[in-house]
């Protein structure tokens, strides 16, 4: 994976976790993710990180939540958060499927 896509995944993970209102202590995980993003930008001297952040914001909520699952696994984040994210992805996919069915009927 190239540095652009890796950073986009980190930003997506940040957005995905920030979307999790059900998780009461998400601020701790968000601060860890922010540190990870800042370290990544500094390590690779990425001057175009604003563009990458904008691209991550254009992704769907499901994609950002999936990115957060990948990054949280690497971070050894609380399992409770990962389970909540998986449940949120299922809910969003069910909602998407219901919309799709209503649209075609």
PDB file of N, CA and C in Angstrom:
ATOM      1  N   UNK A   1       0.848  -1.162   0.000  1.00  0.00           N
ATOM      2  CA  UNK A   1       0.000   0.000   0.000  1.00  0.00           C
ATOM      3  C   UNK A   1       0.904   1.239   0.000  1.00  0.00           C
ATOM      4  N   UNK A   2       0.581   2.206  -0.850  1.00  0.00           N
ATOM      5  CA  UNK A   2       1.412   3.402  -0.903  1.00  0.00           C
ATOM      6  C   UNK A   2       1.042   4.367   0.229  1.00  0.00           C
ATOM      7  N   UNK A   3       1.864   5.385   0.422  1.00  0.00           N
ATOM      8  CA  UNK A   3       1.678   6.301   1.549  1.00  0.00           C
ATOM      9  C   UNK A   3       0.371   7.083   1.439  1.00  0.00           C
ATOM     10  N   UNK A   4      -0.038   7.425   0.242  1.00  0.00           N
ATOM     11  CA  UNK A   4      -1.294   8.154   0.046  1.00  0.00           C
ATOM     12  C   UNK A   4      -2.476   7.334   0.571  1.00  0.00           C
ATOM     13  N   UNK A   5      -2.558   6.083   0.129  1.00  0.00           N
ATOM     14  CA  UNK A   5      -3.676   5.223   0.545  1.00  0.00           C
ATOM     15  C   UNK A   5      -3.617   4.890   2.029  1.00  0.00           C
ATOM     16  N   UNK A   6      -2.405   4.732   2.548  1.00  0.00           N
ATOM     17  CA  UNK A   6      -2.258   4.449   3.980  1.00  0.00           C
ATOM     18  C   UNK A   6      -2.760   5.630   4.811  1.00  0.00           C
ATOM     19  N   UNK A   7      -2.381   6.838   4.424  1.00  0.00           N
ATOM     20  CA  UNK A   7      -2.834   8.016   5.151  1.00  0.00           C
ATOM     21  C   UNK A   7      -4.341   8.213   4.994  1.00  0.00           C
ATOM     22  N   UNK A   8      -4.859   7.925   3.814  1.00  0.00           N
ATOM     23  CA  UNK A   8      -6.307   8.031   3.581  1.00  0.00           C
ATOM     24  C   UNK A   8      -7.047   7.047   4.479  1.00  0.00           C
ATOM     25  N   UNK A   9      -6.481   5.875   4.682  1.00  0.00           N
ATOM     26  CA  UNK A   9      -7.099   4.898   5.564  1.00  0.00           C
ATOM     27  C   UNK A   9      -7.064   5.393   7.017  1.00  0.00           C
ATOM     28  N   UNK A  10      -5.976   6.035   7.412  1.00  0.00           N
ATOM     29  CA  UNK A  10      -5.886   6.580   8.770  1.00  0.00           C
ATOM     30  C   UNK A  10      -6.930   7.674   8.982  1.00  0.00           C
ATOM     31  N   UNK A  11      -7.049   8.569   8.005  1.00  0.00           N
ATOM     32  CA  UNK A  11      -8.079   9.611   8.095  1.00  0.00           C
ATOM     33  C   UNK A  11      -9.475   8.990   8.107  1.00  0.00           C
ATOM     34  N   UNK A  12      -9.688   7.994   7.265  1.00  0.00           N
ATOM     35  CA  UNK A  12     -10.976   7.309   7.237  1.00  0.00           C
ATOM     36  C   UNK A  12     -11.288   6.660   8.580  1.00  0.00           C
ATOM     37  N   UNK A  13     -10.271   6.067   9.201  1.00  0.00           N
ATOM     38  CA  UNK A  13     -10.452   5.461  10.518  1.00  0.00           C
ATOM     39  C   UNK A  13     -10.843   6.518  11.542  1.00  0.00           C
ATOM     40  N   UNK A  14     -10.203   7.666  11.472  1.00  0.00           N
ATOM     41  CA  UNK A  14     -10.521   8.758  12.389  1.00  0.00           C
ATOM     42  C   UNK A  14     -11.981   9.183  12.214  1.00  0.00           C
ATOM     43  N   UNK A  15     -12.397   9.338  10.962  1.00  0.00           N
ATOM     44  CA  UNK A  15     -13.779   9.729  10.686  1.00  0.00           C
ATOM     45  C   UNK A  15     -14.758   8.640  11.118  1.00  0.00           C
ATOM     46  N   UNK A  16     -14.382   7.390  10.910  1.00  0.00           N
ATOM     47  CA  UNK A  16     -15.246   6.284  11.304  1.00  0.00           C
ATOM     48  C   UNK A  16     -15.445   6.222  12.810  1.00  0.00           C
ATOM     49  N   UNK A  17     -14.371   6.383  13.569  1.00  0.00           N
ATOM     50  CA  UNK A  17     -14.487   6.354  15.031  1.00  0.00           C
ATOM     51  C   UNK A  17     -15.261   7.571  15.518  1.00  0.00           C
ATOM     52  N   UNK A  18     -15.037   8.717  14.899  1.00  0.00           N
ATOM     53  CA  UNK A  18     -15.762   9.913  15.335  1.00  0.00           C
ATOM     54  C   UNK A  18     -17.260   9.788  15.077  1.00  0.00           C
ATOM     55  N   UNK A  19     -17.644   8.895  14.177  1.00  0.00           N
ATOM     56  CA  UNK A  19     -19.052   8.644  13.864  1.00  0.00           C
ATOM     57  C   UNK A  19     -19.729   7.753  14.906  1.00  0.00           C
ATOM     58  N   UNK A  20     -18.951   7.175  15.797  1.00  0.00           N
ATOM     59  CA  UNK A  20     -19.469   6.212  16.770  1.00  0.00           C
ATOM     60  C   UNK A  20     -19.914   6.907  18.052  1.00  0.00           C
ATOM     61  N   UNK A  21     -21.112   7.461  18.034  1.00  0.00           N
ATOM     62  CA  UNK A  21     -21.633   8.149  19.210  1.00  0.00           C
ATOM     63  C   UNK A  21     -21.990   7.171  20.331  1.00  0.00           C
ATOM     64  N   UNK A  22     -22.156   5.895  19.995  1.00  0.00           N
ATOM     65  CA  UNK A  22     -22.518   4.895  20.993  1.00  0.00           C
ATOM     66  C   UNK A  22     -21.363   4.599  21.951  1.00  0.00           C
ATOM     67  N   UNK A  23     -20.140   4.901  21.519  1.00  0.00           N
ATOM     68  CA  UNK A  23     -18.962   4.572  22.327  1.00  0.00           C
ATOM     69  C   UNK A  23     -18.594   5.782  23.168  1.00  0.00           C
ATOM     70  N   UNK A  24     -18.731   5.661  24.474  1.00  0.00           N
ATOM     71  CA  UNK A  24     -18.613   6.805  25.380  1.00  0.00           C
ATOM     72  C   UNK A  24     -17.191   7.357  25.490  1.00  0.00           C
ATOM     73  N   UNK A  25     -16.183   6.522  25.382  1.00  0.00           N
ATOM     74  CA  UNK A  25     -14.800   6.987  25.567  1.00  0.00           C
ATOM     75  C   UNK A  25     -14.040   7.066  24.242  1.00  0.00           C
ATOM     76  N   UNK A  26     -14.754   7.444  23.184  1.00  0.00           N
ATOM     77  CA  UNK A  26     -14.118   7.498  21.869  1.00  0.00           C
ATOM     78  C   UNK A  26     -13.047   8.579  21.791  1.00  0.00           C
ATOM     79  N   UNK A  27     -13.088   9.576  22.681  1.00  0.00           N
ATOM     80  CA  UNK A  27     -12.105  10.659  22.645  1.00  0.00           C
ATOM     81  C   UNK A  27     -10.685  10.137  22.843  1.00  0.00           C
ATOM     82  N   UNK A  28     -10.540   9.103  23.678  1.00  0.00           N
ATOM     83  CA  UNK A  28      -9.210   8.526  23.896  1.00  0.00           C
ATOM     84  C   UNK A  28      -8.679   7.883  22.615  1.00  0.00           C
ATOM     85  N   UNK A  29      -9.533   7.151  21.957  1.00  0.00           N
ATOM     86  CA  UNK A  29      -9.132   6.492  20.709  1.00  0.00           C
ATOM     87  C   UNK A  29      -8.879   7.543  19.629  1.00  0.00           C
ATOM     88  N   UNK A  30      -9.719   8.579  19.582  1.00  0.00           N
ATOM     89  CA  UNK A  30      -9.530   9.643  18.590  1.00  0.00           C
ATOM     90  C   UNK A  30      -8.206  10.372  18.805  1.00  0.00           C
ATOM     91  N   UNK A  31      -7.834  10.599  20.048  1.00  0.00           N
ATOM     92  CA  UNK A  31      -6.553  11.272  20.289  1.00  0.00           C
ATOM     93  C   UNK A  31      -5.387  10.378  19.875  1.00  0.00           C
ATOM     94  N   UNK A  32      -5.504   9.074  20.110  1.00  0.00           N
ATOM     95  CA  UNK A  32      -4.464   8.149  19.655  1.00  0.00           C
ATOM     96  C   UNK A  32      -4.377   8.120  18.132  1.00  0.00           C
ATOM     97  N   UNK A  33      -5.531   8.134  17.476  1.00  0.00           N
ATOM     98  CA  UNK A  33      -5.546   8.156  16.009  1.00  0.00           C
ATOM     99  C   UNK A  33      -4.943   9.455  15.479  1.00  0.00           C
ATOM    100  N   UNK A  34      -5.259  10.568  16.116  1.00  0.00           N
ATOM    101  CA  UNK A  34      -4.711  11.867  15.693  1.00  0.00           C
ATOM    102  C   UNK A  34      -3.191  11.861  15.804  1.00  0.00           C
ATOM    103  N   UNK A  35      -2.666  11.301  16.904  1.00  0.00           N
ATOM    104  CA  UNK A  35      -1.209  11.186  17.085  1.00  0.00           C
ATOM    105  C   UNK A  35      -0.611  10.310  15.985  1.00  0.00           C
ATOM    106  N   UNK A  36      -1.284   9.213  15.688  1.00  0.00           N
ATOM    107  CA  UNK A  36      -0.804   8.297  14.651  1.00  0.00           C
ATOM    108  C   UNK A  36      -0.766   8.998  13.293  1.00  0.00           C
ATOM    109  N   UNK A  37      -1.795   9.775  12.989  1.00  0.00           N
ATOM    110  CA  UNK A  37      -1.837  10.518  11.725  1.00  0.00           C
ATOM    111  C   UNK A  37      -0.719  11.543  11.678  1.00  0.00           C
ATOM    112  N   UNK A  38      -0.543  12.294  12.760  1.00  0.00           N
ATOM    113  CA  UNK A  38       0.513  13.316  12.802  1.00  0.00           C
ATOM    114  C   UNK A  38       1.902  12.702  12.665  1.00  0.00           C
ATOM    115  N   UNK A  39       2.123  11.570  13.326  1.00  0.00           N
ATOM    116  CA  UNK A  39       3.411  10.874  13.206  1.00  0.00           C
ATOM    117  C   UNK A  39       3.645  10.398  11.781  1.00  0.00           C
ATOM    118  N   UNK A  40       2.600   9.891  11.153  1.00  0.00           N
ATOM    119  CA  UNK A  40       2.710   9.397   9.778  1.00  0.00           C
ATOM    120  C   UNK A  40       3.054  10.537   8.827  1.00  0.00           C
ATOM    121  N   UNK A  41       2.385  11.667   8.992  1.00  0.00           N
ATOM    122  CA  UNK A  41       2.657  12.834   8.140  1.00  0.00           C
ATOM    123  C   UNK A  41       4.091  13.303   8.339  1.00  0.00           C
ATOM    124  N   UNK A  42       4.531  13.332   9.581  1.00  0.00           N
ATOM    125  CA  UNK A  42       5.897  13.776   9.870  1.00  0.00           C
ATOM    126  C   UNK A  42       6.936  12.786   9.348  1.00  0.00           C
ATOM    127  N   UNK A  43       6.676  11.492   9.539  1.00  0.00           N
ATOM    128  CA  UNK A  43       7.637  10.467   9.117  1.00  0.00           C
ATOM    129  C   UNK A  43       7.860  10.494   7.608  1.00  0.00           C
ATOM    130  N   UNK A  44       6.792  10.662   6.847  1.00  0.00           N
ATOM    131  CA  UNK A  44       6.894  10.626   5.391  1.00  0.00           C
ATOM    132  C   UNK A  44       6.905  12.009   4.751  1.00  0.00           C
ATOM    133  N   UNK A  45       6.947  13.048   5.588  1.00  0.00           N
ATOM    134  CA  UNK A  45       7.036  14.427   5.097  1.00  0.00           C
ATOM    135  C   UNK A  45       5.983  14.685   4.018  1.00  0.00           C
ATOM    136  N   UNK A  46       4.750  14.421   4.364  1.00  0.00           N
ATOM    137  CA  UNK A  46       3.653  14.495   3.395  1.00  0.00           C
ATOM    138  C   UNK A  46       3.069  15.903   3.371  1.00  0.00           C
ATOM    139  N   UNK A  47       3.384  16.630   2.356  1.00  0.00           N
ATOM    140  CA  UNK A  47       2.913  18.002   2.200  1.00  0.00           C
ATOM    141  C   UNK A  47       1.496  18.067   1.640  1.00  0.00           C
ATOM    142  N   UNK A  48       0.991  16.971   1.112  1.00  0.00           N
ATOM    143  CA  UNK A  48      -0.334  16.954   0.486  1.00  0.00           C
ATOM    144  C   UNK A  48      -1.374  16.288   1.383  1.00  0.00           C
ATOM    145  N   UNK A  49      -1.162  16.293   2.694  1.00  0.00           N
ATOM    146  CA  UNK A  49      -2.072  15.590   3.597  1.00  0.00           C
ATOM    147  C   UNK A  49      -3.469  16.211   3.633  1.00  0.00           C
ATOM    148  N   UNK A  50      -3.594  17.496   3.315  1.00  0.00           N
ATOM    149  CA  UNK A  50      -4.932  18.106   3.283  1.00  0.00           C
ATOM    150  C   UNK A  50      -5.791  17.507   2.165  1.00  0.00           C
ATOM    151  N   UNK A  51      -5.163  17.239   1.027  1.00  0.00           N
ATOM    152  CA  UNK A  51      -5.881  16.607  -0.081  1.00  0.00           C
ATOM    153  C   UNK A  51      -6.342  15.206   0.294  1.00  0.00           C
ATOM    154  N   UNK A  52      -5.480  14.483   0.997  1.00  0.00           N
ATOM    155  CA  UNK A  52      -5.814  13.122   1.403  1.00  0.00           C
ATOM    156  C   UNK A  52      -6.981  13.147   2.384  1.00  0.00           C
ATOM    157  N   UNK A  53      -6.959  14.107   3.292  1.00  0.00           N
ATOM    158  CA  UNK A  53      -8.052  14.223   4.263  1.00  0.00           C
ATOM    159  C   UNK A  53      -9.375  14.519   3.556  1.00  0.00           C
ATOM    160  N   UNK A  54      -9.347  15.381   2.567  1.00  0.00           N
ATOM    161  CA  UNK A  54     -10.565  15.697   1.808  1.00  0.00           C
ATOM    162  C   UNK A  54     -11.079  14.466   1.059  1.00  0.00           C
ATOM    163  N   UNK A  55     -10.159  13.674   0.499  1.00  0.00           N
ATOM    164  CA  UNK A  55     -10.576  12.444  -0.186  1.00  0.00           C
ATOM    165  C   UNK A  55     -11.216  11.456   0.788  1.00  0.00           C
ATOM    166  N   UNK A  56     -10.672  11.383   1.990  1.00  0.00           N
ATOM    167  CA  UNK A  56     -11.238  10.482   2.996  1.00  0.00           C
ATOM    168  C   UNK A  56     -12.641  10.936   3.394  1.00  0.00           C
ATOM    169  N   UNK A  57     -12.860  12.233   3.440  1.00  0.00           N
ATOM    170  CA  UNK A  57     -14.188  12.755   3.795  1.00  0.00           C
ATOM    171  C   UNK A  57     -15.220  12.450   2.720  1.00  0.00           C
ATOM    172  N   UNK A  58     -14.778  12.235   1.484  1.00  0.00           N
ATOM    173  CA  UNK A  58     -15.688  11.930   0.380  1.00  0.00           C
ATOM    174  C   UNK A  58     -16.105  10.464   0.366  1.00  0.00           C
ATOM    175  N   UNK A  59     -15.428   9.634   1.139  1.00  0.00           N
ATOM    176  CA  UNK A  59     -15.759   8.209   1.191  1.00  0.00           C
ATOM    177  C   UNK A  59     -17.089   8.005   1.911  1.00  0.00           C
ATOM    178  N   UNK A  60     -17.694   6.856   1.706  1.00  0.00           N
ATOM    179  CA  UNK A  60     -18.943   6.549   2.395  1.00  0.00           C
ATOM    180  C   UNK A  60     -18.668   6.269   3.871  1.00  0.00           C
ATOM    181  N   UNK A  61     -19.711   6.346   4.661  1.00  0.00           N
ATOM    182  CA  UNK A  61     -19.575   6.044   6.089  1.00  0.00           C
ATOM    183  C   UNK A  61     -19.125   4.597   6.291  1.00  0.00           C
ATOM    184  N   UNK A  62     -19.641   3.701   5.468  1.00  0.00           N
ATOM    185  CA  UNK A  62     -19.275   2.285   5.602  1.00  0.00           C
ATOM    186  C   UNK A  62     -17.783   2.106   5.348  1.00  0.00           C
ATOM    187  N   UNK A  63     -17.259   2.762   4.332  1.00  0.00           N
ATOM    188  CA  UNK A  63     -15.828   2.649   4.027  1.00  0.00           C
ATOM    189  C   UNK A  63     -14.992   3.174   5.182  1.00  0.00           C
ATOM    190  N   UNK A  64     -15.370   4.312   5.746  1.00  0.00           N
ATOM    191  CA  UNK A  64     -14.621   4.858   6.878  1.00  0.00           C
ATOM    192  C   UNK A  64     -14.694   3.942   8.092  1.00  0.00           C
ATOM    193  N   UNK A  65     -15.841   3.335   8.323  1.00  0.00           N
ATOM    194  CA  UNK A  65     -15.959   2.396   9.438  1.00  0.00           C
ATOM    195  C   UNK A  65     -15.101   1.153   9.194  1.00  0.00           C
ATOM    196  N   UNK A  66     -15.051   0.691   7.944  1.00  0.00           N
ATOM    197  CA  UNK A  66     -14.195  -0.456   7.627  1.00  0.00           C
ATOM    198  C   UNK A  66     -12.718  -0.099   7.798  1.00  0.00           C
ATOM    199  N   UNK A  67     -12.346   1.118   7.403  1.00  0.00           N
ATOM    200  CA  UNK A  67     -10.974   1.578   7.632  1.00  0.00           C
ATOM    201  C   UNK A  67     -10.652   1.590   9.118  1.00  0.00           C
ATOM    202  N   UNK A  68     -11.625   2.016   9.923  1.00  0.00           N
ATOM    203  CA  UNK A  68     -11.372   2.080  11.360  1.00  0.00           C
ATOM    204  C   UNK A  68     -11.171   0.683  11.942  1.00  0.00           C
ATOM    205  N   UNK A  69     -11.871  -0.313  11.425  1.00  0.00           N
ATOM    206  CA  UNK A  69     -11.659  -1.681  11.914  1.00  0.00           C
ATOM    207  C   UNK A  69     -10.228  -2.145  11.656  1.00  0.00           C
ATOM    208  N   UNK A  70      -9.723  -1.835  10.472  1.00  0.00           N
ATOM    209  CA  UNK A  70      -8.353  -2.243  10.126  1.00  0.00           C
ATOM    210  C   UNK A  70      -7.345  -1.548  11.028  1.00  0.00           C
ATOM    211  N   UNK A  71      -7.489  -0.237  11.181  1.00  0.00           N
ATOM    212  CA  UNK A  71      -6.514   0.533  11.959  1.00  0.00           C
ATOM    213  C   UNK A  71      -6.614   0.202  13.449  1.00  0.00           C
ATOM    214  N   UNK A  72      -7.824   0.043  13.949  1.00  0.00           N
ATOM    215  CA  UNK A  72      -7.979  -0.271  15.374  1.00  0.00           C
ATOM    216  C   UNK A  72      -7.369  -1.617  15.725  1.00  0.00           C
ATOM    217  N   UNK A  73      -7.442  -2.563  14.801  1.00  0.00           N
ATOM    218  CA  UNK A  73      -6.802  -3.874  15.036  1.00  0.00           C
ATOM    219  C   UNK A  73      -5.297  -3.706  15.194  1.00  0.00           C
ATOM    220  N   UNK A  74      -4.706  -2.851  14.366  1.00  0.00           N
ATOM    221  CA  UNK A  74      -3.266  -2.593  14.467  1.00  0.00           C
ATOM    222  C   UNK A  74      -2.902  -1.905  15.786  1.00  0.00           C
ATOM    223  N   UNK A  75      -3.821  -1.067  16.266  1.00  0.00           N
ATOM    224  CA  UNK A  75      -3.558  -0.286  17.472  1.00  0.00           C
ATOM    225  C   UNK A  75      -3.850  -1.057  18.759  1.00  0.00           C
ATOM    226  N   UNK A  76      -4.413  -2.237  18.655  1.00  0.00           N
ATOM    227  CA  UNK A  76      -4.877  -2.985  19.825  1.00  0.00           C
ATOM    228  C   UNK A  76      -5.869  -2.165  20.634  1.00  0.00           C
ATOM    229  N   UNK A  77      -6.803  -1.561  19.940  1.00  0.00           N
ATOM    230  CA  UNK A  77      -7.843  -0.754  20.575  1.00  0.00           C
ATOM    231  C   UNK A  77      -8.853  -1.675  21.268  1.00  0.00           C
ATOM    232  N   UNK A  78      -9.702  -1.108  22.116  1.00  0.00           N
ATOM    233  CA  UNK A  78     -10.689  -1.935  22.835  1.00  0.00           C
ATOM    234  C   UNK A  78     -11.584  -2.729  21.888  1.00  0.00           C
ATOM    235  N   UNK A  79     -11.785  -3.975  22.216  1.00  0.00           N
ATOM    236  CA  UNK A  79     -12.621  -4.865  21.407  1.00  0.00           C
ATOM    237  C   UNK A  79     -14.058  -4.368  21.350  1.00  0.00           C
ATOM    238  N   UNK A  80     -14.513  -3.752  22.430  1.00  0.00           N
ATOM    239  CA  UNK A  80     -15.885  -3.237  22.479  1.00  0.00           C
ATOM    240  C   UNK A  80     -16.150  -2.266  21.326  1.00  0.00           C
ATOM    241  N   UNK A  81     -15.188  -1.404  21.042  1.00  0.00           N
ATOM    242  CA  UNK A  81     -15.350  -0.440  19.960  1.00  0.00           C
ATOM    243  C   UNK A  81     -15.444  -1.147  18.609  1.00  0.00           C
ATOM    244  N   UNK A  82     -14.598  -2.138  18.394  1.00  0.00           N
ATOM    245  CA  UNK A  82     -14.646  -2.886  17.132  1.00  0.00           C
ATOM    246  C   UNK A  82     -15.990  -3.577  16.947  1.00  0.00           C
ATOM    247  N   UNK A  83     -16.529  -4.133  18.015  1.00  0.00           N
ATOM    248  CA  UNK A  83     -17.836  -4.792  17.927  1.00  0.00           C
ATOM    249  C   UNK A  83     -18.939  -3.790  17.625  1.00  0.00           C
ATOM    250  N   UNK A  84     -18.870  -2.617  18.233  1.00  0.00           N
ATOM    251  CA  UNK A  84     -19.860  -1.582  17.945  1.00  0.00           C
ATOM    252  C   UNK A  84     -19.773  -1.109  16.494  1.00  0.00           C
ATOM    253  N   UNK A  85     -18.552  -1.016  15.985  1.00  0.00           N
ATOM    254  CA  UNK A  85     -18.360  -0.599  14.592  1.00  0.00           C
ATOM    255  C   UNK A  85     -18.931  -1.645  13.643  1.00  0.00           C
ATOM    256  N   UNK A  86     -18.690  -2.910  13.931  1.00  0.00           N
ATOM    257  CA  UNK A  86     -19.245  -3.974  13.088  1.00  0.00           C
ATOM    258  C   UNK A  86     -20.765  -3.918  13.080  1.00  0.00           C
ATOM    259  N   UNK A  87     -21.354  -3.669  14.232  1.00  0.00           N
ATOM    260  CA  UNK A  87     -22.810  -3.556  14.318  1.00  0.00           C
ATOM    261  C   UNK A  87     -23.306  -2.357  13.517  1.00  0.00           C
ATOM    262  N   UNK A  88     -22.593  -1.244  13.589  1.00  0.00           N
ATOM    263  CA  UNK A  88     -22.980  -0.041  12.848  1.00  0.00           C
ATOM    264  C   UNK A  88     -22.899  -0.304  11.342  1.00  0.00           C
ATOM    265  N   UNK A  89     -21.869  -1.029  10.897  1.00  0.00           N
ATOM    266  CA  UNK A  89     -21.743  -1.371   9.479  1.00  0.00           C
ATOM    267  C   UNK A  89     -22.928  -2.220   9.035  1.00  0.00           C
ATOM    268  N   UNK A  90     -23.308  -3.209   9.865  1.00  0.00           N
ATOM    269  CA  UNK A  90     -24.470  -4.043   9.535  1.00  0.00           C
ATOM    270  C   UNK A  90     -25.740  -3.202   9.412  1.00  0.00           C
ATOM    271  N   UNK A  91     -25.925  -2.280  10.350  1.00  0.00           N
ATOM    272  CA  UNK A  91     -27.110  -1.409  10.309  1.00  0.00           C
ATOM    273  C   UNK A  91     -27.131  -0.573   9.034  1.00  0.00           C
ATOM    274  N   UNK A  92     -25.989   0.008   8.684  1.00  0.00           N
ATOM    275  CA  UNK A  92     -25.922   0.847   7.485  1.00  0.00           C
ATOM    276  C   UNK A  92     -26.167   0.032   6.217  1.00  0.00           C
ATOM    277  N   UNK A  93     -25.626  -1.185   6.171  1.00  0.00           N
ATOM    278  CA  UNK A  93     -25.850  -2.033   5.002  1.00  0.00           C
ATOM    279  C   UNK A  93     -27.313  -2.459   4.907  1.00  0.00           C
ATOM    280  N   UNK A  94     -27.933  -2.769   6.048  1.00  0.00           N
ATOM    281  CA  UNK A  94     -29.361  -3.115   6.034  1.00  0.00           C
ATOM    282  C   UNK A  94     -30.186  -1.929   5.549  1.00  0.00           C
ATOM    283  N   UNK A  95     -29.857  -0.756   6.032  1.00  0.00           N
ATOM    284  CA  UNK A  95     -30.560   0.458   5.607  1.00  0.00           C
ATOM    285  C   UNK A  95     -30.382   0.695   4.113  1.00  0.00           C
ATOM    286  N   UNK A  96     -29.165   0.469   3.634  1.00  0.00           N
ATOM    287  CA  UNK A  96     -28.866   0.619   2.208  1.00  0.00           C
ATOM    288  C   UNK A  96     -29.669  -0.380   1.384  1.00  0.00           C
ATOM    289  N   UNK A  97     -29.760  -1.615   1.862  1.00  0.00           N
ATOM    290  CA  UNK A  97     -30.515  -2.648   1.152  1.00  0.00           C
ATOM    291  C   UNK A  97     -32.003  -2.334   1.126  1.00  0.00           C
ATOM    292  N   UNK A  98     -32.540  -1.838   2.249  1.00  0.00           N
ATOM    293  CA  UNK A  98     -33.956  -1.469   2.285  1.00  0.00           C
ATOM    294  C   UNK A  98     -34.237  -0.351   1.287  1.00  0.00           C
ATOM    295  N   UNK A  99     -33.355   0.628   1.220  1.00  0.00           N
ATOM    296  CA  UNK A  99     -33.528   1.719   0.266  1.00  0.00           C
ATOM    297  C   UNK A  99     -33.492   1.195  -1.161  1.00  0.00           C
ATOM    298  N   UNK A 100     -32.543   0.297  -1.432  1.00  0.00           N
ATOM    299  CA  UNK A 100     -32.396  -0.272  -2.766  1.00  0.00           C
ATOM    300  C   UNK A 100     -33.659  -1.010  -3.181  1.00  0.00           C
ATOM    301  N   UNK A 101     -34.215  -1.805  -2.268  1.00  0.00           N
ATOM    302  CA  UNK A 101     -35.424  -2.588  -2.566  1.00  0.00           C
ATOM    303  C   UNK A 101     -36.608  -1.657  -2.805  1.00  0.00           C
ATOM    304  N   UNK A 102     -36.773  -0.637  -1.936  1.00  0.00           N
ATOM    305  CA  UNK A 102     -37.880   0.305  -2.128  1.00  0.00           C
ATOM    306  C   UNK A 102     -37.762   1.058  -3.438  1.00  0.00           C
ATOM    307  N   UNK A 103     -36.563   1.373  -3.833  1.00  0.00           N
ATOM    308  CA  UNK A 103     -36.351   2.139  -5.053  1.00  0.00           C
ATOM    309  C   UNK A 103     -36.732   1.346  -6.295  1.00  0.00           C
ATOM    310  N   UNK A 104     -36.493   0.034  -6.263  1.00  0.00           N
ATOM    311  CA  UNK A 104     -36.768  -0.798  -7.431  1.00  0.00           C
ATOM    312  C   UNK A 104     -38.152  -1.430  -7.429  1.00  0.00           C
ATOM    313  N   UNK A 105     -38.901  -1.280  -6.370  1.00  0.00           N
ATOM    314  CA  UNK A 105     -40.248  -1.891  -6.339  1.00  0.00           C
ATOM    315  C   UNK A 105     -41.268  -0.891  -6.805  1.00  0.00           C
TER     316      UNK A 105
END
